[in-house]
N, C-alpha and C. Protein backbone atom coordinates (compact mmCIF):
# COMPACT_ATOMS: atom_id res chain seq x y z
N MET A 1 -12.85 14.21 7.39
CA MET A 1 -14.24 13.89 7.76
C MET A 1 -15.11 14.14 6.50
N SER A 2 -16.10 13.32 6.65
CA SER A 2 -17.32 13.37 5.61
C SER A 2 -18.03 14.75 5.68
N ALA A 3 -18.70 14.96 4.72
CA ALA A 3 -19.59 16.29 4.52
C ALA A 3 -20.57 16.49 5.79
N SER A 4 -20.91 15.44 6.45
CA SER A 4 -21.99 15.43 7.59
C SER A 4 -21.16 15.72 8.79
N ASP A 5 -19.90 15.93 8.90
CA ASP A 5 -19.02 16.01 10.09
C ASP A 5 -19.00 14.68 10.89
N SER A 6 -19.64 13.60 10.59
CA SER A 6 -19.48 12.58 11.19
C SER A 6 -18.30 11.73 10.68
N PRO A 7 -17.53 10.88 11.47
CA PRO A 7 -16.48 10.26 10.78
C PRO A 7 -17.06 9.10 9.95
N SER A 8 -16.50 8.86 8.79
CA SER A 8 -16.84 7.85 7.78
C SER A 8 -16.03 6.64 8.05
N ILE A 9 -16.79 5.54 8.33
CA ILE A 9 -16.07 4.13 8.64
C ILE A 9 -16.52 3.11 7.52
N LEU A 10 -15.49 2.55 6.97
CA LEU A 10 -15.77 1.15 6.13
C LEU A 10 -15.62 0.05 7.14
N PHE A 11 -16.80 -0.59 7.32
CA PHE A 11 -16.85 -1.91 8.26
C PHE A 11 -17.03 -2.97 7.42
N VAL A 12 -15.95 -3.92 7.50
CA VAL A 12 -16.06 -5.16 6.78
C VAL A 12 -16.04 -6.28 7.64
N GLU A 13 -17.17 -7.13 7.57
CA GLU A 13 -17.59 -8.17 8.36
C GLU A 13 -18.42 -9.29 7.67
N ASP A 14 -18.05 -10.55 7.70
CA ASP A 14 -18.67 -11.45 6.90
C ASP A 14 -19.95 -12.07 7.70
N ASN A 15 -20.07 -11.95 8.84
CA ASN A 15 -21.40 -12.23 9.58
C ASN A 15 -22.41 -11.31 9.53
N PRO A 16 -23.57 -11.58 9.01
CA PRO A 16 -24.66 -10.50 8.87
C PRO A 16 -25.18 -10.21 10.00
N GLN A 17 -25.24 -10.98 11.20
CA GLN A 17 -25.70 -10.67 12.44
C GLN A 17 -24.91 -9.51 13.24
N VAL A 18 -23.52 -9.77 13.11
CA VAL A 18 -22.59 -8.74 13.55
C VAL A 18 -22.63 -7.50 12.76
N ARG A 19 -22.73 -7.60 11.55
CA ARG A 19 -22.86 -6.38 10.75
C ARG A 19 -24.17 -5.58 11.23
N LEU A 20 -25.29 -6.28 11.55
CA LEU A 20 -26.47 -5.62 12.02
C LEU A 20 -26.37 -5.00 13.26
N LEU A 21 -25.68 -5.76 14.17
CA LEU A 21 -25.30 -5.06 15.60
C LEU A 21 -24.49 -4.10 15.54
N ILE A 22 -23.42 -4.07 14.78
CA ILE A 22 -22.61 -2.96 14.73
C ILE A 22 -23.20 -1.61 14.10
N ARG A 23 -23.95 -1.89 13.03
CA ARG A 23 -24.71 -0.80 12.51
C ARG A 23 -25.64 -0.11 13.38
N GLU A 24 -26.46 -0.89 14.18
CA GLU A 24 -27.40 -0.47 15.20
C GLU A 24 -26.58 0.37 16.28
N GLN A 25 -25.39 -0.06 16.59
CA GLN A 25 -24.63 0.53 17.72
C GLN A 25 -23.97 1.86 17.28
N LEU A 26 -23.57 1.73 15.90
CA LEU A 26 -22.82 2.90 15.58
C LEU A 26 -23.35 3.95 14.47
N GLN A 27 -24.44 3.65 14.07
CA GLN A 27 -25.03 4.58 12.92
C GLN A 27 -25.57 5.82 13.36
N GLU A 28 -25.79 5.98 14.65
CA GLU A 28 -26.00 7.35 15.18
C GLU A 28 -24.91 8.39 15.20
N THR A 29 -23.67 7.79 15.34
CA THR A 29 -22.57 8.56 15.57
C THR A 29 -21.68 8.61 14.43
N TYR A 30 -21.69 7.61 13.46
CA TYR A 30 -20.69 7.58 12.36
C TYR A 30 -21.36 7.28 11.11
N ASP A 31 -20.90 7.70 10.03
CA ASP A 31 -21.44 7.43 8.75
C ASP A 31 -20.66 5.97 8.23
N LEU A 32 -21.47 5.00 8.26
CA LEU A 32 -21.11 3.75 8.01
C LEU A 32 -21.24 3.13 6.58
N VAL A 33 -20.30 2.65 5.95
CA VAL A 33 -20.41 1.76 4.62
C VAL A 33 -20.01 0.32 5.17
N LEU A 34 -20.95 -0.52 4.79
CA LEU A 34 -20.64 -1.85 5.14
C LEU A 34 -20.34 -2.83 3.94
N ALA A 35 -19.53 -3.74 4.08
CA ALA A 35 -19.02 -4.71 3.22
C ALA A 35 -18.95 -6.08 3.93
N SER A 36 -19.16 -7.18 3.09
CA SER A 36 -19.26 -8.52 3.77
C SER A 36 -17.94 -9.20 3.42
N ASP A 37 -17.02 -8.67 2.62
CA ASP A 37 -15.79 -9.43 2.36
C ASP A 37 -14.65 -8.34 1.90
N ALA A 38 -13.58 -8.84 1.59
CA ALA A 38 -12.44 -7.94 1.24
C ALA A 38 -12.81 -7.50 -0.16
N GLU A 39 -13.30 -8.31 -1.14
CA GLU A 39 -13.50 -7.81 -2.40
C GLU A 39 -14.64 -6.72 -2.47
N GLU A 40 -15.61 -6.86 -1.75
CA GLU A 40 -16.80 -5.99 -1.72
C GLU A 40 -16.18 -4.70 -1.05
N ALA A 41 -15.26 -4.74 -0.11
CA ALA A 41 -14.63 -3.60 0.49
C ALA A 41 -13.81 -2.90 -0.59
N LEU A 42 -13.13 -3.57 -1.26
CA LEU A 42 -12.21 -2.86 -2.43
C LEU A 42 -13.23 -2.06 -3.43
N ASN A 43 -14.19 -2.80 -3.66
CA ASN A 43 -15.36 -2.28 -4.62
C ASN A 43 -16.09 -0.91 -4.14
N VAL A 44 -16.13 -0.83 -2.90
CA VAL A 44 -16.82 0.41 -2.23
C VAL A 44 -16.02 1.39 -1.82
N LEU A 45 -14.67 1.41 -2.29
CA LEU A 45 -13.76 2.46 -1.80
C LEU A 45 -14.15 3.77 -2.50
N ASP A 46 -14.79 3.78 -3.43
CA ASP A 46 -15.34 4.98 -4.22
C ASP A 46 -16.34 5.58 -3.37
N ASN A 47 -16.94 4.98 -2.31
CA ASN A 47 -18.02 5.55 -1.62
C ASN A 47 -17.21 6.58 -0.51
N GLY A 48 -15.92 6.39 -0.37
CA GLY A 48 -15.22 7.28 0.75
C GLY A 48 -14.99 8.81 0.17
N PRO A 49 -14.19 9.42 0.85
CA PRO A 49 -13.14 9.12 1.58
C PRO A 49 -13.57 8.50 3.02
N PHE A 50 -12.67 7.65 3.53
CA PHE A 50 -12.98 7.17 4.94
C PHE A 50 -12.02 7.69 6.02
N ASP A 51 -12.48 7.69 7.16
CA ASP A 51 -11.76 8.27 8.23
C ASP A 51 -11.24 7.12 8.95
N LEU A 52 -11.79 5.87 8.85
CA LEU A 52 -11.23 4.73 9.49
C LEU A 52 -11.73 3.51 8.91
N PHE A 53 -10.93 2.45 8.99
CA PHE A 53 -11.51 1.12 8.55
C PHE A 53 -11.62 0.20 9.90
N LEU A 54 -12.74 -0.45 9.96
CA LEU A 54 -13.16 -1.39 11.07
C LEU A 54 -13.14 -2.70 10.30
N LEU A 55 -12.23 -3.66 10.57
CA LEU A 55 -12.03 -4.81 9.85
C LEU A 55 -12.09 -5.91 10.70
N ASP A 56 -13.04 -7.07 10.36
CA ASP A 56 -13.05 -8.24 11.02
C ASP A 56 -11.84 -8.99 10.43
N ILE A 57 -11.16 -9.86 11.20
CA ILE A 57 -9.87 -10.56 10.84
C ILE A 57 -10.32 -11.87 9.90
N LYS A 58 -11.23 -12.57 10.63
CA LYS A 58 -11.82 -13.87 9.96
C LYS A 58 -12.93 -13.54 9.18
N LEU A 59 -12.54 -13.34 7.86
CA LEU A 59 -13.59 -12.96 6.85
C LEU A 59 -14.30 -14.24 6.02
N GLY A 60 -13.92 -15.41 6.67
CA GLY A 60 -14.54 -16.57 5.75
C GLY A 60 -13.70 -16.97 4.55
N GLN A 61 -14.26 -17.08 3.49
CA GLN A 61 -13.58 -17.38 2.11
C GLN A 61 -12.94 -15.98 1.69
N GLY A 62 -11.79 -16.27 1.03
CA GLY A 62 -11.17 -15.15 0.44
C GLY A 62 -10.05 -14.51 1.44
N ARG A 63 -9.94 -13.30 1.21
CA ARG A 63 -8.72 -12.48 2.06
C ARG A 63 -9.23 -12.27 3.51
N SER A 64 -8.30 -12.39 4.33
CA SER A 64 -8.63 -12.00 5.70
C SER A 64 -8.35 -10.59 5.89
N GLY A 65 -8.95 -9.99 7.05
CA GLY A 65 -8.90 -8.72 7.26
C GLY A 65 -7.31 -8.08 7.33
N THR A 66 -6.52 -8.77 7.69
CA THR A 66 -5.19 -8.50 7.76
C THR A 66 -4.71 -8.15 6.38
N GLU A 67 -5.09 -9.21 5.60
CA GLU A 67 -4.57 -9.12 4.20
C GLU A 67 -5.15 -7.95 3.34
N LEU A 68 -6.49 -7.64 3.74
CA LEU A 68 -7.24 -6.50 3.21
C LEU A 68 -6.52 -5.23 3.63
N LEU A 69 -6.15 -5.22 5.01
CA LEU A 69 -5.40 -4.08 5.47
C LEU A 69 -4.27 -3.74 4.67
N HIS A 70 -3.30 -4.77 4.33
CA HIS A 70 -2.27 -4.53 3.55
C HIS A 70 -2.43 -4.06 2.24
N LEU A 71 -3.60 -4.43 1.54
CA LEU A 71 -3.98 -3.98 0.22
C LEU A 71 -4.30 -2.51 0.38
N LEU A 72 -5.15 -2.07 1.43
CA LEU A 72 -5.52 -0.80 1.70
C LEU A 72 -4.34 0.19 1.89
N ARG A 73 -3.33 -0.20 2.48
CA ARG A 73 -2.18 0.52 2.78
C ARG A 73 -1.39 0.79 1.59
N ASP A 74 -1.36 -0.25 0.59
CA ASP A 74 -0.78 -0.04 -0.68
C ASP A 74 -1.32 1.03 -1.76
N LEU A 75 -2.60 1.19 -1.48
CA LEU A 75 -3.33 2.30 -2.26
C LEU A 75 -3.24 3.53 -1.81
N GLU A 76 -2.86 4.52 -2.63
CA GLU A 76 -2.62 5.85 -2.26
C GLU A 76 -3.75 6.49 -1.46
N PRO A 77 -5.07 6.51 -1.92
CA PRO A 77 -5.99 7.28 -1.20
C PRO A 77 -6.19 6.81 0.11
N THR A 78 -5.94 5.42 0.39
CA THR A 78 -6.22 4.92 1.76
C THR A 78 -5.15 4.41 2.47
N LYS A 79 -3.99 4.91 2.03
CA LYS A 79 -2.50 4.55 2.73
C LYS A 79 -2.56 4.87 4.17
N GLY A 80 -2.96 6.06 4.54
CA GLY A 80 -2.85 6.61 5.83
C GLY A 80 -4.12 6.48 6.70
N VAL A 81 -5.18 5.88 6.25
CA VAL A 81 -6.40 5.78 6.94
C VAL A 81 -6.15 4.68 8.18
N PRO A 82 -6.48 5.18 9.45
CA PRO A 82 -6.40 4.18 10.49
C PRO A 82 -7.29 3.14 10.47
N ALA A 83 -6.87 1.89 11.04
CA ALA A 83 -7.77 0.68 10.91
C ALA A 83 -7.75 0.08 12.32
N VAL A 84 -8.96 -0.48 12.75
CA VAL A 84 -9.22 -1.18 13.94
C VAL A 84 -9.75 -2.69 13.58
N ALA A 85 -8.83 -3.45 14.12
CA ALA A 85 -9.17 -4.91 14.12
C ALA A 85 -10.29 -5.21 15.00
N LEU A 86 -11.29 -5.97 14.41
CA LEU A 86 -12.52 -6.58 15.23
C LEU A 86 -12.23 -8.17 14.99
N THR A 87 -12.17 -8.71 16.21
CA THR A 87 -11.54 -10.16 16.13
C THR A 87 -12.15 -11.09 17.25
N THR A 88 -12.17 -12.28 16.91
CA THR A 88 -12.28 -13.28 18.19
C THR A 88 -10.98 -13.64 18.74
N TYR A 89 -9.89 -13.20 18.02
CA TYR A 89 -8.55 -13.66 18.67
C TYR A 89 -8.38 -12.76 19.87
N GLY A 90 -8.42 -13.43 20.96
CA GLY A 90 -8.42 -12.82 22.19
C GLY A 90 -7.26 -13.29 23.25
N MET A 91 -6.39 -14.21 22.70
CA MET A 91 -5.52 -14.91 23.44
C MET A 91 -4.23 -13.87 23.86
N PRO A 92 -3.46 -14.13 24.80
CA PRO A 92 -2.40 -13.28 25.10
C PRO A 92 -1.37 -13.20 23.72
N GLY A 93 -1.04 -12.11 23.39
CA GLY A 93 -0.20 -11.90 22.15
C GLY A 93 -1.03 -11.55 20.88
N ASP A 94 -2.27 -11.85 20.84
CA ASP A 94 -3.02 -11.64 19.69
C ASP A 94 -3.23 -10.04 19.41
N ARG A 95 -3.46 -9.41 20.31
CA ARG A 95 -3.54 -7.77 20.42
C ARG A 95 -2.23 -7.36 19.67
N GLU A 96 -1.03 -7.78 20.29
CA GLU A 96 0.23 -7.15 19.85
C GLU A 96 0.42 -7.74 18.38
N ALA A 97 0.14 -8.89 17.98
CA ALA A 97 0.45 -9.53 16.73
C ALA A 97 -0.33 -8.45 15.53
N LEU A 98 -1.59 -8.29 16.05
CA LEU A 98 -2.38 -7.46 15.05
C LEU A 98 -1.83 -6.07 14.88
N LEU A 99 -1.45 -5.30 16.03
CA LEU A 99 -0.90 -4.09 16.01
C LEU A 99 0.42 -4.07 15.18
N ASP A 100 1.23 -5.30 15.39
CA ASP A 100 2.37 -5.26 14.82
C ASP A 100 2.04 -5.71 13.18
N ALA A 101 1.11 -6.09 12.77
CA ALA A 101 0.62 -6.33 11.41
C ALA A 101 0.13 -4.92 10.78
N GLY A 102 0.05 -3.90 11.60
CA GLY A 102 -0.28 -2.57 10.90
C GLY A 102 -1.56 -2.02 11.41
N PHE A 103 -2.34 -2.76 12.36
CA PHE A 103 -3.68 -2.05 12.80
C PHE A 103 -3.36 -1.08 13.82
N ASP A 104 -4.12 -0.14 14.03
CA ASP A 104 -3.93 1.18 14.93
C ASP A 104 -4.83 0.88 16.19
N GLY A 105 -5.74 -0.04 16.13
CA GLY A 105 -6.50 -0.35 17.40
C GLY A 105 -6.95 -1.73 17.16
N TYR A 106 -7.57 -2.19 18.42
CA TYR A 106 -8.11 -3.64 18.47
C TYR A 106 -8.99 -3.78 19.35
N VAL A 107 -10.18 -4.55 18.85
CA VAL A 107 -11.28 -4.83 19.86
C VAL A 107 -11.59 -6.35 19.64
N SER A 108 -11.65 -7.01 20.85
CA SER A 108 -11.71 -8.48 20.76
C SER A 108 -13.44 -8.67 21.12
N LYS A 109 -13.82 -9.65 20.24
CA LYS A 109 -15.30 -10.25 20.43
C LYS A 109 -15.27 -11.21 21.56
N PRO A 110 -16.33 -11.14 22.44
CA PRO A 110 -17.54 -10.15 22.49
C PRO A 110 -16.98 -8.99 23.16
N PHE A 111 -17.71 -7.70 22.77
CA PHE A 111 -17.37 -6.47 23.20
C PHE A 111 -18.66 -5.65 23.60
N THR A 112 -18.37 -4.60 24.33
CA THR A 112 -19.52 -3.79 24.64
C THR A 112 -19.49 -2.53 23.54
N GLY A 113 -20.69 -1.86 23.24
CA GLY A 113 -20.83 -0.91 22.39
C GLY A 113 -19.74 0.26 22.90
N ALA A 114 -19.75 0.50 24.32
CA ALA A 114 -18.96 1.60 24.67
C ALA A 114 -17.49 1.23 24.41
N GLU A 115 -17.09 0.00 24.65
CA GLU A 115 -15.68 -0.32 24.20
C GLU A 115 -15.27 -0.17 22.76
N LEU A 116 -16.20 -0.52 21.81
CA LEU A 116 -16.06 -0.33 20.45
C LEU A 116 -15.89 1.13 20.13
N SER A 117 -16.75 1.85 20.71
CA SER A 117 -16.91 3.42 20.31
C SER A 117 -15.54 4.12 20.79
N ASN A 118 -15.13 3.67 21.99
CA ASN A 118 -13.98 4.16 22.74
C ASN A 118 -12.78 3.86 22.01
N THR A 119 -12.72 2.73 21.41
CA THR A 119 -11.51 2.42 20.55
C THR A 119 -11.57 3.07 19.12
N ILE A 120 -12.76 3.29 18.57
CA ILE A 120 -12.71 3.98 17.52
C ILE A 120 -12.43 5.57 17.71
N ASP A 121 -12.90 6.09 18.62
CA ASP A 121 -12.72 7.51 18.85
C ASP A 121 -11.15 7.80 19.14
N GLN A 122 -10.63 6.76 20.00
CA GLN A 122 -9.18 6.92 20.39
C GLN A 122 -8.41 6.79 19.19
N THR A 123 -8.62 5.82 18.23
CA THR A 123 -7.99 5.64 17.13
C THR A 123 -8.06 6.78 16.10
N LEU A 124 -9.19 7.40 16.02
CA LEU A 124 -9.32 8.51 15.02
C LEU A 124 -8.85 9.64 15.69
N SER A 125 -8.69 10.03 16.95
CA SER A 125 -7.92 11.03 17.61
C SER A 125 -6.35 10.93 17.46
N ALA A 126 -5.89 9.57 17.66
CA ALA A 126 -4.48 9.47 17.39
C ALA A 126 -4.10 9.63 15.88
N GLY A 127 -5.06 9.31 15.10
CA GLY A 127 -4.59 9.49 13.49
C GLY A 127 -4.64 11.16 13.14
N ARG A 128 -5.35 11.87 13.98
CA ARG A 128 -5.36 13.51 13.59
C ARG A 128 -4.14 14.05 14.28
N ASN A 129 -3.38 13.50 15.08
CA ASN A 129 -2.09 13.95 15.78
C ASN A 129 -1.01 13.97 14.88
């Protein structure tokens, strides 16, 4: 965990309104570092270490959240960091597909603040076991 004892989360989301919403919902409980795309996320890794990655799947232009996760899993300092998919993919089988792709948790948009926090906390707890 970070020096403040709050879990440190790298949140990657291309939509500025969603970034603002998530920041407002989570900033009291977690140390957040925000990025708008995969390249920015890779550039802010020095702001870590991170306890969790919260990754949007559809990041617009460039790499997807799943592609970013695979890059992060290939880097030694971030290899074991748990990741939660935040996505509009909510059809049957989407959750399982993202978990099979390497994500440790899944939240479908739209979501409640409690749902997001619970998923983050469960994923962090599972990662410590």
